[in-house]
């Protein structure tokens, strides 16, 4: 189901779009000096952080916090990760990621409407290997340095 990401397939993302979308979805600091690779890493980490926050809010029955966290995760996935894909030049990897991000976005909407923790867990399980693969191709940086562990 997952396409293998290699350093040569890093071009599935448009560098300019990832920077612009990153600013628009409001994920945290470091954007100005970050490389395109780091921006995608930040987007993936931001989505996973927001999903974890939403799961905590559901467990604590904090509806407003759940909605905010899921809305942020959805914006990161849809306006950040999905819109930054270079579908024209990214080949099968970009196409597969586009489909995956579309599916994750629909599951996030479902999770928000139904306070469905299992749907959020599924989203985290789907995004974590993408983030881990992306980290493994990081230029000049060990994967462990940027990796956070997310438990689905």
C-alpha atoms as a PDB file:
ATOM      1  CA  UNK A   1       0.000   0.000   0.000  1.00  0.00           C
ATOM      2  CA  UNK A   2       2.843   2.400   0.765  1.00  0.00           C
ATOM      3  CA  UNK A   3       5.203   3.607  -1.880  1.00  0.00           C
ATOM      4  CA  UNK A   4       8.846   3.525  -0.962  1.00  0.00           C
ATOM      5  CA  UNK A   5      10.295   6.986  -0.518  1.00  0.00           C
ATOM      6  CA  UNK A   6      13.875   7.484  -1.595  1.00  0.00           C
ATOM      7  CA  UNK A   7      15.990  10.583  -1.882  1.00  0.00           C
ATOM      8  CA  UNK A   8      15.272  10.609  -5.605  1.00  0.00           C
ATOM      9  CA  UNK A   9      11.526  10.638  -4.918  1.00  0.00           C
ATOM     10  CA  UNK A  10      11.810  13.648  -2.624  1.00  0.00           C
ATOM     11  CA  UNK A  11      10.805  15.710  -5.648  1.00  0.00           C
ATOM     12  CA  UNK A  12       7.202  14.579  -5.152  1.00  0.00           C
ATOM     13  CA  UNK A  13       6.852  17.763  -3.112  1.00  0.00           C
ATOM     14  CA  UNK A  14       7.026  21.220  -4.566  1.00  0.00           C
ATOM     15  CA  UNK A  15       9.474  23.150  -2.360  1.00  0.00           C
ATOM     16  CA  UNK A  16       7.858  26.521  -2.908  1.00  0.00           C
ATOM     17  CA  UNK A  17       4.353  25.216  -2.221  1.00  0.00           C
ATOM     18  CA  UNK A  18       5.407  23.418   0.959  1.00  0.00           C
ATOM     19  CA  UNK A  19       6.813  26.635   2.411  1.00  0.00           C
ATOM     20  CA  UNK A  20       3.729  28.652   1.481  1.00  0.00           C
ATOM     21  CA  UNK A  21       1.305  26.024   2.747  1.00  0.00           C
ATOM     22  CA  UNK A  22       3.267  25.584   5.935  1.00  0.00           C
ATOM     23  CA  UNK A  23       2.798  29.274   6.690  1.00  0.00           C
ATOM     24  CA  UNK A  24      -0.915  29.064   5.886  1.00  0.00           C
ATOM     25  CA  UNK A  25      -1.700  26.167   8.201  1.00  0.00           C
ATOM     26  CA  UNK A  26       0.077  27.797  11.116  1.00  0.00           C
ATOM     27  CA  UNK A  27       2.361  25.003  12.246  1.00  0.00           C
ATOM     28  CA  UNK A  28       5.071  26.069  14.648  1.00  0.00           C
ATOM     29  CA  UNK A  29       8.388  27.918  14.303  1.00  0.00           C
ATOM     30  CA  UNK A  30      11.494  27.522  12.199  1.00  0.00           C
ATOM     31  CA  UNK A  31       9.853  27.958   8.814  1.00  0.00           C
ATOM     32  CA  UNK A  32      12.058  30.788   7.594  1.00  0.00           C
ATOM     33  CA  UNK A  33      15.307  28.879   7.877  1.00  0.00           C
ATOM     34  CA  UNK A  34      13.980  25.373   7.184  1.00  0.00           C
ATOM     35  CA  UNK A  35      14.805  23.406   4.069  1.00  0.00           C
ATOM     36  CA  UNK A  36      11.944  21.974   1.991  1.00  0.00           C
ATOM     37  CA  UNK A  37      12.705  18.583   3.549  1.00  0.00           C
ATOM     38  CA  UNK A  38      12.483  20.045   7.047  1.00  0.00           C
ATOM     39  CA  UNK A  39       9.204  21.776   6.191  1.00  0.00           C
ATOM     40  CA  UNK A  40       7.596  18.476   5.208  1.00  0.00           C
ATOM     41  CA  UNK A  41       8.958  16.910   8.407  1.00  0.00           C
ATOM     42  CA  UNK A  42       7.441  19.763  10.413  1.00  0.00           C
ATOM     43  CA  UNK A  43       4.095  19.311   8.662  1.00  0.00           C
ATOM     44  CA  UNK A  44       4.031  15.585   9.380  1.00  0.00           C
ATOM     45  CA  UNK A  45       5.029  16.123  13.008  1.00  0.00           C
ATOM     46  CA  UNK A  46       2.434  18.891  13.338  1.00  0.00           C
ATOM     47  CA  UNK A  47      -0.319  16.648  12.002  1.00  0.00           C
ATOM     48  CA  UNK A  48       0.666  13.842  14.359  1.00  0.00           C
ATOM     49  CA  UNK A  49       0.864  16.265  17.309  1.00  0.00           C
ATOM     50  CA  UNK A  50      -2.609  17.608  16.526  1.00  0.00           C
ATOM     51  CA  UNK A  51      -4.022  14.099  16.219  1.00  0.00           C
ATOM     52  CA  UNK A  52      -2.538  13.204  19.616  1.00  0.00           C
ATOM     53  CA  UNK A  53      -4.077  16.364  21.110  1.00  0.00           C
ATOM     54  CA  UNK A  54      -7.458  15.499  19.606  1.00  0.00           C
ATOM     55  CA  UNK A  55      -7.293  11.990  21.047  1.00  0.00           C
ATOM     56  CA  UNK A  56      -6.592  13.432  24.494  1.00  0.00           C
ATOM     57  CA  UNK A  57      -9.454  15.888  24.127  1.00  0.00           C
ATOM     58  CA  UNK A  58     -11.857  13.074  23.201  1.00  0.00           C
ATOM     59  CA  UNK A  59     -10.764  11.081  26.239  1.00  0.00           C
ATOM     60  CA  UNK A  60     -11.327  14.154  28.432  1.00  0.00           C
ATOM     61  CA  UNK A  61     -14.614  15.015  26.688  1.00  0.00           C
ATOM     62  CA  UNK A  62     -13.301  18.444  25.663  1.00  0.00           C
ATOM     63  CA  UNK A  63     -15.327  19.007  22.522  1.00  0.00           C
ATOM     64  CA  UNK A  64     -13.957  22.448  21.644  1.00  0.00           C
ATOM     65  CA  UNK A  65     -10.324  21.329  22.055  1.00  0.00           C
ATOM     66  CA  UNK A  66     -11.060  18.216  19.959  1.00  0.00           C
ATOM     67  CA  UNK A  67     -12.513  20.333  17.157  1.00  0.00           C
ATOM     68  CA  UNK A  68      -9.555  22.747  17.205  1.00  0.00           C
ATOM     69  CA  UNK A  69      -6.982  19.952  17.147  1.00  0.00           C
ATOM     70  CA  UNK A  70      -8.700  17.999  14.378  1.00  0.00           C
ATOM     71  CA  UNK A  71      -9.222  21.167  12.339  1.00  0.00           C
ATOM     72  CA  UNK A  72      -5.505  21.903  12.625  1.00  0.00           C
ATOM     73  CA  UNK A  73      -4.571  18.334  11.641  1.00  0.00           C
ATOM     74  CA  UNK A  74      -6.971  18.508   8.697  1.00  0.00           C
ATOM     75  CA  UNK A  75      -5.503  21.821   7.525  1.00  0.00           C
ATOM     76  CA  UNK A  76      -1.983  20.413   7.743  1.00  0.00           C
ATOM     77  CA  UNK A  77      -2.896  17.283   5.794  1.00  0.00           C
ATOM     78  CA  UNK A  78      -5.140  18.909   3.208  1.00  0.00           C
ATOM     79  CA  UNK A  79      -3.675  22.398   2.749  1.00  0.00           C
ATOM     80  CA  UNK A  80      -0.116  21.509   3.658  1.00  0.00           C
ATOM     81  CA  UNK A  81       0.921  17.971   2.795  1.00  0.00           C
ATOM     82  CA  UNK A  82      -1.600  17.188   0.050  1.00  0.00           C
ATOM     83  CA  UNK A  83      -1.395  20.503  -1.766  1.00  0.00           C
ATOM     84  CA  UNK A  84       2.415  20.456  -1.749  1.00  0.00           C
ATOM     85  CA  UNK A  85       2.624  17.273  -3.784  1.00  0.00           C
ATOM     86  CA  UNK A  86       4.034  17.682  -7.267  1.00  0.00           C
ATOM     87  CA  UNK A  87       1.563  15.435  -9.092  1.00  0.00           C
ATOM     88  CA  UNK A  88       2.956  16.383 -12.489  1.00  0.00           C
ATOM     89  CA  UNK A  89       6.524  15.258 -11.785  1.00  0.00           C
ATOM     90  CA  UNK A  90       6.194  13.101  -8.669  1.00  0.00           C
ATOM     91  CA  UNK A  91       4.995   9.981 -10.428  1.00  0.00           C
ATOM     92  CA  UNK A  92       3.416   7.083  -8.601  1.00  0.00           C
ATOM     93  CA  UNK A  93       4.764   8.135  -5.201  1.00  0.00           C
ATOM     94  CA  UNK A  94       3.068  11.534  -5.397  1.00  0.00           C
ATOM     95  CA  UNK A  95      -0.142   9.939  -6.674  1.00  0.00           C
ATOM     96  CA  UNK A  96      -0.180   7.395  -3.842  1.00  0.00           C
ATOM     97  CA  UNK A  97       0.513  10.076  -1.234  1.00  0.00           C
ATOM     98  CA  UNK A  98      -2.275  12.211  -2.708  1.00  0.00           C
ATOM     99  CA  UNK A  99      -4.713   9.315  -2.270  1.00  0.00           C
ATOM    100  CA  UNK A 100      -3.460   8.554   1.222  1.00  0.00           C
ATOM    101  CA  UNK A 101      -3.721  12.184   2.345  1.00  0.00           C
ATOM    102  CA  UNK A 102      -7.237  12.380   0.884  1.00  0.00           C
ATOM    103  CA  UNK A 103      -8.223   9.294   2.857  1.00  0.00           C
ATOM    104  CA  UNK A 104      -6.651  10.638   6.063  1.00  0.00           C
ATOM    105  CA  UNK A 105      -8.532  13.926   5.572  1.00  0.00           C
ATOM    106  CA  UNK A 106     -11.844  12.073   5.230  1.00  0.00           C
ATOM    107  CA  UNK A 107     -11.097  10.034   8.373  1.00  0.00           C
ATOM    108  CA  UNK A 108     -10.265  13.225  10.278  1.00  0.00           C
ATOM    109  CA  UNK A 109     -13.609  14.712   9.278  1.00  0.00           C
ATOM    110  CA  UNK A 110     -15.340  11.513  10.399  1.00  0.00           C
ATOM    111  CA  UNK A 111     -13.431  11.587  13.695  1.00  0.00           C
ATOM    112  CA  UNK A 112     -14.490  15.163  14.300  1.00  0.00           C
ATOM    113  CA  UNK A 113     -18.156  14.527  13.553  1.00  0.00           C
ATOM    114  CA  UNK A 114     -18.354  11.362  15.657  1.00  0.00           C
ATOM    115  CA  UNK A 115     -15.624  11.910  18.286  1.00  0.00           C
ATOM    116  CA  UNK A 116     -14.131   8.685  16.946  1.00  0.00           C
ATOM    117  CA  UNK A 117     -10.837   7.929  18.653  1.00  0.00           C
ATOM    118  CA  UNK A 118     -10.331   4.810  16.508  1.00  0.00           C
ATOM    119  CA  UNK A 119     -10.395   6.966  13.348  1.00  0.00           C
ATOM    120  CA  UNK A 120      -7.759   9.249  14.859  1.00  0.00           C
ATOM    121  CA  UNK A 121      -5.663   6.237  15.802  1.00  0.00           C
ATOM    122  CA  UNK A 122      -5.929   5.031  12.198  1.00  0.00           C
ATOM    123  CA  UNK A 123      -4.783   8.425  10.910  1.00  0.00           C
ATOM    124  CA  UNK A 124      -1.740   8.347  13.191  1.00  0.00           C
ATOM    125  CA  UNK A 125      -0.946   4.777  12.082  1.00  0.00           C
ATOM    126  CA  UNK A 126      -1.098   5.877   8.433  1.00  0.00           C
ATOM    127  CA  UNK A 127       0.983   9.042   8.805  1.00  0.00           C
ATOM    128  CA  UNK A 128       3.687   7.695  11.122  1.00  0.00           C
ATOM    129  CA  UNK A 129       5.373   5.434   8.513  1.00  0.00           C
ATOM    130  CA  UNK A 130       5.328   8.312   6.022  1.00  0.00           C
ATOM    131  CA  UNK A 131       7.005  10.576   8.564  1.00  0.00           C
ATOM    132  CA  UNK A 132       9.523   7.859   9.487  1.00  0.00           C
ATOM    133  CA  UNK A 133      10.363   7.188   5.830  1.00  0.00           C
ATOM    134  CA  UNK A 134      10.743  10.906   5.218  1.00  0.00           C
ATOM    135  CA  UNK A 135      13.120  11.181   8.173  1.00  0.00           C
ATOM    136  CA  UNK A 136      15.172   8.271   6.868  1.00  0.00           C
ATOM    137  CA  UNK A 137      16.015  10.213   3.708  1.00  0.00           C
ATOM    138  CA  UNK A 138      16.886  13.439   5.537  1.00  0.00           C
ATOM    139  CA  UNK A 139      19.943  15.084   4.017  1.00  0.00           C
ATOM    140  CA  UNK A 140      22.858  15.465   6.472  1.00  0.00           C
ATOM    141  CA  UNK A 141      20.825  14.623   9.537  1.00  0.00           C
ATOM    142  CA  UNK A 142      20.379  11.405  11.506  1.00  0.00           C
ATOM    143  CA  UNK A 143      16.759  10.231  11.567  1.00  0.00           C
ATOM    144  CA  UNK A 144      16.758   9.973  15.363  1.00  0.00           C
ATOM    145  CA  UNK A 145      17.536  13.673  15.780  1.00  0.00           C
ATOM    146  CA  UNK A 146      14.185  14.841  14.381  1.00  0.00           C
ATOM    147  CA  UNK A 147      12.020  11.851  15.163  1.00  0.00           C
ATOM    148  CA  UNK A 148       9.327  11.883  17.803  1.00  0.00           C
ATOM    149  CA  UNK A 149       7.586   8.689  18.682  1.00  0.00           C
ATOM    150  CA  UNK A 150       3.827   8.641  18.210  1.00  0.00           C
ATOM    151  CA  UNK A 151       1.851   5.770  19.557  1.00  0.00           C
ATOM    152  CA  UNK A 152      -1.341   4.993  17.730  1.00  0.00           C
END
